[in-house]
Amino acid sequence: MCNEEEKVLIDKNVYDEICEIIDKLIKKCVEKKIYSNEDVRELLSVNDKLIRKYRDDGLLSYSRVGNKYFYSSDDIRDFLDKTHLRNY
């Protein structure tokens, strides 16, 4: 076990790989939730027309049953990852 004073330096690539593995594990552990158009509209604070644009542009993945659209938590997370802008 490490005490609080010990520090370990690792290569950035190794660190990034570890972070990716942790993210994948977290995604597997989180229970999937299914969202309706109304849920996504409220969650993202946008209107139906913009949600349709996100779908049409391939930014927001979805499942469709008849004329109803459904989104998994993974669909929304992927959308947020694609559209997230980091500070410089």
Protein backbone atom coordinates (compact mmCIF):
# COMPACT_ATOMS: atom_id res chain seq x y z
CA MET A 1 0.00 0.00 0.00
CA CYS A 2 1.29 3.50 -0.82
CA ASN A 3 1.55 6.11 1.83
CA GLU A 4 0.46 9.68 1.13
CA GLU A 5 3.99 10.95 0.44
CA GLU A 6 4.78 8.51 -2.36
CA LYS A 7 4.19 9.70 -5.91
CA VAL A 8 4.42 7.65 -9.08
CA LEU A 9 5.16 9.11 -12.48
CA ILE A 10 3.66 7.36 -15.50
CA ASP A 11 3.76 8.08 -19.20
CA LYS A 12 0.84 10.19 -20.46
CA ASN A 13 -0.14 7.47 -22.95
CA VAL A 14 -0.36 4.93 -20.13
CA TYR A 15 -2.41 7.39 -18.06
CA ASP A 16 -4.79 7.97 -21.00
CA GLU A 17 -5.21 4.21 -21.49
CA ILE A 18 -5.99 3.76 -17.80
CA CYS A 19 -8.57 6.56 -17.99
CA GLU A 20 -10.21 4.92 -21.03
CA ILE A 21 -10.43 1.60 -19.22
CA ILE A 22 -11.97 3.25 -16.18
CA ASP A 23 -14.50 5.11 -18.37
CA LYS A 24 -15.49 1.84 -20.06
CA LEU A 25 -15.95 0.12 -16.71
CA ILE A 26 -18.08 2.98 -15.40
CA LYS A 27 -20.25 2.86 -18.53
CA LYS A 28 -20.79 -0.88 -18.04
CA CYS A 29 -21.71 -0.40 -14.39
CA VAL A 30 -24.22 2.38 -14.95
CA GLU A 31 -27.71 1.10 -15.55
CA LYS A 32 -28.98 2.04 -18.99
CA LYS A 33 -31.96 4.32 -19.03
CA ILE A 34 -34.19 4.95 -22.03
CA TYR A 35 -35.24 8.52 -22.76
CA SER A 36 -38.14 9.77 -24.88
CA ASN A 37 -38.03 12.87 -27.08
CA GLU A 38 -39.67 14.80 -24.25
CA ASP A 39 -37.05 13.59 -21.76
CA VAL A 40 -34.19 14.61 -24.07
CA ARG A 41 -35.84 17.97 -24.73
CA GLU A 42 -35.98 18.68 -21.00
CA LEU A 43 -32.54 17.22 -20.31
CA LEU A 44 -30.79 19.31 -22.98
CA SER A 45 -33.13 22.32 -22.77
CA VAL A 46 -33.76 22.29 -26.52
CA ASN A 47 -36.84 22.04 -28.75
CA ASP A 48 -38.01 19.08 -30.85
CA LYS A 49 -36.80 20.70 -34.07
CA LEU A 50 -33.21 20.86 -32.76
CA ILE A 51 -33.36 17.24 -31.56
CA ARG A 52 -34.49 16.25 -35.08
CA LYS A 53 -31.56 18.22 -36.54
CA TYR A 54 -29.13 16.42 -34.22
CA ARG A 55 -30.57 13.07 -35.41
CA ASP A 56 -30.50 14.07 -39.09
CA ASP A 57 -26.89 15.32 -38.79
CA GLY A 58 -25.84 12.01 -37.20
CA LEU A 59 -24.88 13.65 -33.90
CA LEU A 60 -27.55 11.95 -31.80
CA SER A 61 -28.09 8.20 -32.16
CA TYR A 62 -31.55 6.82 -31.53
CA SER A 63 -33.92 3.91 -31.81
CA ARG A 64 -37.27 4.25 -33.49
CA VAL A 65 -40.48 2.33 -32.93
CA GLY A 66 -43.19 3.50 -35.30
CA ASN A 67 -43.10 7.27 -35.11
CA LYS A 68 -41.62 7.36 -31.59
CA TYR A 69 -37.92 8.01 -30.97
CA PHE A 70 -36.00 6.64 -28.02
CA TYR A 71 -32.49 7.39 -26.77
CA SER A 72 -30.30 5.36 -24.45
CA SER A 73 -28.06 6.92 -21.85
CA ASP A 74 -25.14 5.85 -24.10
CA ASP A 75 -26.68 7.75 -27.04
CA ILE A 76 -26.89 10.91 -24.95
CA ARG A 77 -23.41 10.46 -23.46
CA ASP A 78 -21.93 9.96 -26.95
CA PHE A 79 -23.76 13.06 -28.20
CA LEU A 80 -22.36 15.13 -25.33
CA ASP A 81 -18.86 13.77 -25.96
CA LYS A 82 -19.10 14.65 -29.67
CA THR A 83 -20.32 18.18 -29.02
CA HIS A 84 -18.23 19.01 -25.95
CA LEU A 85 -15.69 21.78 -26.50
CA ARG A 86 -12.69 21.90 -24.19
CA ASN A 87 -11.02 25.09 -23.04
CA TYR A 88 -7.69 25.87 -24.67
